[in-house]
N, C-alpha and C. Protein backbone atom coordinates (compact mmCIF):
# COMPACT_ATOMS: atom_id res chain seq x y z
N MET A 1 101.33 79.76 119.60
CA MET A 1 100.12 80.92 118.88
C MET A 1 100.86 81.99 118.27
N PRO A 2 100.87 82.52 116.65
CA PRO A 2 101.36 83.09 116.06
C PRO A 2 101.43 84.50 116.29
N ASP A 3 102.78 85.62 116.65
CA ASP A 3 102.21 86.98 116.79
C ASP A 3 101.49 87.30 115.44
N VAL A 4 100.54 88.10 115.80
CA VAL A 4 100.02 89.34 115.16
C VAL A 4 100.50 90.10 114.36
N LYS A 5 101.60 90.47 114.51
CA LYS A 5 102.66 91.19 113.21
C LYS A 5 103.20 90.20 112.35
N ASP A 6 103.16 88.94 112.78
CA ASP A 6 104.01 87.97 111.83
C ASP A 6 102.87 87.09 110.83
N THR A 7 101.45 87.64 110.65
CA THR A 7 100.63 86.56 110.22
C THR A 7 100.20 87.64 109.01
N GLN A 8 100.04 86.75 107.65
CA GLN A 8 100.06 87.26 106.69
C GLN A 8 97.83 86.62 106.10
N GLU A 9 97.13 87.91 105.52
CA GLU A 9 95.86 86.65 105.65
C GLU A 9 95.75 87.42 104.27
N LEU A 10 95.20 86.62 103.89
CA LEU A 10 94.82 86.67 101.61
C LEU A 10 93.82 87.31 101.83
N ILE A 11 93.62 88.59 101.21
CA ILE A 11 92.49 88.91 100.61
C ILE A 11 91.71 88.86 99.45
N ALA A 12 92.50 88.80 98.71
CA ALA A 12 91.84 88.27 97.31
C ALA A 12 93.39 88.16 95.94
N GLU A 13 92.82 86.92 95.16
CA GLU A 13 94.34 86.33 94.97
C GLU A 13 93.74 86.21 93.44
N GLY A 14 94.31 86.18 92.31
CA GLY A 14 93.59 86.59 90.20
C GLY A 14 95.20 85.59 90.09
N ASP A 15 95.34 85.13 89.19
CA ASP A 15 96.47 84.97 88.41
C ASP A 15 97.53 85.82 88.59
N GLN A 16 96.98 86.95 88.44
CA GLN A 16 98.10 87.90 87.99
C GLN A 16 98.44 89.04 89.27
N PHE A 17 97.30 88.90 90.22
CA PHE A 17 97.37 89.94 91.34
C PHE A 17 97.00 89.02 92.87
N ALA A 18 98.06 89.61 93.54
CA ALA A 18 97.14 88.94 94.82
C ALA A 18 97.37 90.31 95.56
N LEU A 19 96.22 90.32 97.21
CA LEU A 19 96.15 91.04 97.80
C LEU A 19 96.42 90.79 99.20
N TYR A 20 97.08 91.60 100.11
CA TYR A 20 97.16 90.36 101.35
C TYR A 20 96.93 91.63 102.53
N SER A 21 96.60 91.57 103.66
CA SER A 21 96.15 92.02 105.14
C SER A 21 97.66 91.40 106.07
N LEU A 22 98.74 92.10 106.23
CA LEU A 22 99.34 92.10 107.13
C LEU A 22 99.41 93.00 108.68
N ASP A 23 99.84 92.11 109.83
CA ASP A 23 100.28 93.15 110.99
C ASP A 23 98.85 93.36 111.36
N GLY A 24 98.03 92.53 111.75
CA GLY A 24 96.54 93.08 111.78
C GLY A 24 95.85 94.26 111.06
N GLY A 25 95.76 93.84 110.15
CA GLY A 25 94.96 94.85 109.00
C GLY A 25 96.36 96.17 109.09
N ALA A 26 97.14 96.61 109.26
CA ALA A 26 97.68 97.82 109.62
C ALA A 26 98.22 97.86 108.35
N VAL A 27 98.66 96.96 107.52
CA VAL A 27 99.26 96.90 105.99
C VAL A 27 98.21 96.14 105.48
N CYS A 28 98.91 96.24 104.01
CA CYS A 28 97.63 95.89 103.03
C CYS A 28 99.22 95.86 102.09
N THR A 29 99.31 94.51 101.51
CA THR A 29 100.15 94.58 100.08
C THR A 29 99.22 94.42 98.74
N LEU A 30 99.56 94.82 97.92
CA LEU A 30 98.90 94.56 96.59
C LEU A 30 100.18 94.26 95.85
N ARG A 31 99.98 92.85 95.15
CA ARG A 31 101.25 92.42 94.50
C ARG A 31 101.05 91.89 92.61
N CYS A 32 102.14 92.47 92.18
CA CYS A 32 101.26 92.10 90.53
C CYS A 32 102.54 90.75 90.62
N LYS A 33 101.93 89.79 90.06
CA LYS A 33 102.69 88.80 89.71
C LYS A 33 103.32 88.35 88.33
N GLU A 34 103.04 89.34 87.13
CA GLU A 34 103.62 89.38 86.02
C GLU A 34 105.14 89.77 85.90
N GLU A 35 105.20 91.47 86.91
CA GLU A 35 106.55 92.28 87.42
C GLU A 35 107.22 92.11 88.38
N SER A 36 106.36 90.75 89.08
CA SER A 36 106.80 90.58 90.50
C SER A 36 107.40 92.04 91.20
N SER A 37 106.08 92.44 91.45
CA SER A 37 106.41 93.60 92.03
C SER A 37 105.32 94.16 93.36
N THR A 38 105.47 94.77 94.17
CA THR A 38 104.46 94.66 95.31
C THR A 38 104.24 96.25 95.86
N ALA A 39 102.99 96.96 96.19
CA ALA A 39 103.16 98.61 96.47
C ALA A 39 102.28 97.63 97.65
N ARG A 40 103.21 98.32 98.76
CA ARG A 40 102.45 98.49 100.35
C ARG A 40 102.10 99.69 100.92
N ILE A 41 101.33 99.53 101.35
CA ILE A 41 100.31 100.53 101.82
C ILE A 41 100.19 100.34 103.49
N GLU A 42 100.21 101.68 103.91
CA GLU A 42 100.63 101.34 105.65
C GLU A 42 99.44 102.42 105.73
N GLY A 43 99.55 102.59 107.32
CA GLY A 43 99.17 103.12 108.35
C GLY A 43 97.93 104.26 108.11
N GLU A 44 97.32 105.16 107.27
CA GLU A 44 95.94 105.70 107.30
C GLU A 44 95.85 105.39 105.94
N GLU A 45 96.68 105.20 104.83
CA GLU A 45 96.22 105.33 103.83
C GLU A 45 95.44 103.92 103.67
N VAL A 46 95.90 102.72 104.45
CA VAL A 46 94.81 101.34 104.64
C VAL A 46 93.73 101.95 104.15
N ALA A 47 92.98 102.48 105.03
CA ALA A 47 91.32 102.55 105.43
C ALA A 47 90.98 102.96 104.00
N ALA A 48 92.12 103.56 103.35
CA ALA A 48 91.59 104.63 102.30
C ALA A 48 91.73 103.91 101.19
N PHE A 49 92.45 102.68 100.92
CA PHE A 49 92.78 101.87 100.30
C PHE A 49 91.74 100.90 99.63
N LEU A 50 91.14 100.18 100.82
CA LEU A 50 90.32 99.24 101.15
C LEU A 50 89.01 99.65 101.17
N ALA A 51 88.94 101.11 100.74
CA ALA A 51 87.64 101.90 100.56
C ALA A 51 87.53 101.53 99.08
N GLU A 52 88.84 102.34 98.85
CA GLU A 52 88.89 102.48 97.29
C GLU A 52 88.92 100.82 96.25
N TYR A 53 88.98 99.73 97.21
CA TYR A 53 88.76 98.50 96.48
C TYR A 53 87.16 98.02 96.86
N GLU A 54 86.80 98.34 97.34
CA GLU A 54 85.32 98.14 97.95
C GLU A 54 84.87 98.60 96.59
N LYS A 55 84.48 100.11 96.51
CA LYS A 55 84.27 101.03 95.56
C LYS A 55 84.29 100.45 94.09
N VAL A 56 85.56 99.86 93.83
CA VAL A 56 85.78 98.95 92.62
C VAL A 56 85.37 98.09 92.40
N ARG A 57 84.80 96.83 93.15
CA ARG A 57 84.19 96.09 93.39
C ARG A 57 82.97 96.27 92.81
N THR A 58 82.06 96.97 93.69
CA THR A 58 80.68 97.46 93.64
C THR A 58 80.25 97.92 92.12
N GLN A 59 81.19 98.80 91.82
CA GLN A 59 81.22 99.47 90.93
C GLN A 59 81.52 98.56 89.28
N TYR A 60 81.75 97.85 89.45
CA TYR A 60 82.36 97.10 88.31
C TYR A 60 82.06 95.50 88.99
N PRO A 61 80.69 94.95 89.07
CA PRO A 61 80.10 93.85 89.74
C PRO A 61 80.56 92.75 89.00
N GLY A 62 81.11 92.89 87.21
CA GLY A 62 81.25 91.56 86.81
C GLY A 62 82.56 91.52 86.36
N TYR A 63 83.74 92.11 87.14
CA TYR A 63 84.81 92.50 86.97
C TYR A 63 85.35 91.00 88.12
N ASP A 64 86.38 90.13 87.46
CA ASP A 64 86.81 89.16 88.62
C ASP A 64 87.83 89.87 89.11
N THR A 65 88.74 89.04 90.11
CA THR A 65 89.27 89.20 90.95
C THR A 65 90.92 90.04 90.41
N ASP A 66 91.12 89.46 89.18
CA ASP A 66 92.21 90.44 88.65
C ASP A 66 91.97 91.28 87.84
N GLN A 67 90.72 91.63 87.55
CA GLN A 67 90.42 93.01 86.99
C GLN A 67 89.95 93.90 87.81
N VAL A 68 89.53 93.71 88.84
CA VAL A 68 89.46 94.53 89.99
C VAL A 68 91.00 95.30 90.23
N LEU A 69 91.82 94.12 90.98
CA LEU A 69 93.03 94.65 91.43
C LEU A 69 93.95 95.25 90.43
N ALA A 70 93.71 94.93 89.14
CA ALA A 70 94.17 96.03 87.62
C ALA A 70 94.03 97.00 88.24
N GLN A 71 92.79 96.90 88.00
CA GLN A 71 91.82 99.03 87.98
C GLN A 71 93.17 99.33 89.02
N LEU A 72 93.28 98.88 90.36
CA LEU A 72 94.17 99.41 91.34
C LEU A 72 95.02 99.54 90.99
N TRP A 73 96.07 98.99 90.54
CA TRP A 73 97.22 98.89 89.98
C TRP A 73 97.44 99.69 88.91
N ASP A 74 96.97 99.70 87.92
CA ASP A 74 96.90 100.75 86.83
C ASP A 74 96.47 102.02 86.91
N GLN A 75 95.23 102.00 87.53
CA GLN A 75 94.08 103.69 87.68
C GLN A 75 94.56 104.22 88.90
N GLY A 76 94.61 103.18 89.80
CA GLY A 76 94.63 103.52 91.02
C GLY A 76 95.98 104.40 91.42
N GLY A 77 97.24 104.23 90.30
CA GLY A 77 98.59 104.41 90.66
C GLY A 77 99.47 103.67 91.74
N TYR A 78 98.88 102.65 92.11
CA TYR A 78 99.72 102.10 93.34
C TYR A 78 101.30 101.07 92.50
N SER A 79 100.99 100.87 91.13
CA SER A 79 101.75 100.29 90.59
C SER A 79 103.31 101.28 90.85
N TRP A 80 102.95 102.59 91.12
CA TRP A 80 103.58 103.85 90.93
C TRP A 80 104.72 103.38 92.49
N MET A 81 104.09 102.93 93.62
CA MET A 81 104.53 102.97 94.66
C MET A 81 105.20 101.35 95.00
N ALA A 82 105.15 100.54 93.95
CA ALA A 82 105.45 99.23 93.95
C ALA A 82 107.44 99.05 93.77
N THR A 83 107.71 98.09 94.34
CA THR A 83 108.68 97.62 94.48
C THR A 83 108.84 96.35 94.10
N PRO A 84 110.50 96.22 93.58
CA PRO A 84 110.50 94.46 93.21
C PRO A 84 110.38 93.91 94.19
N ASP A 85 109.68 92.38 93.67
CA ASP A 85 109.98 91.36 94.81
C ASP A 85 111.28 91.17 95.43
N GLU A 86 111.73 90.70 96.33
CA GLU A 86 112.97 90.11 96.97
C GLU A 86 112.89 88.38 96.44
N GLU A 87 113.84 88.17 95.92
CA GLU A 87 113.83 86.63 95.28
C GLU A 87 114.60 86.03 96.29
């Protein structure tokens, strides 16, 4: 049985972005595939981030996954937290 800390669960994925939950929900990562960079959200910020994610999904029901995640990336400021992906 895998250790919970080693598991990565896909929450949402589009052509340009992907959102994952790690360490049993203790960490979320928002990845911009085009920029090959990832924002890591940890600790108390996870609940606020997921609430913001749900708010955008509810506020813009016609948005596809990439549009929702792009809204968080750009307007939510998570792009500023991103670091380049390791190759």
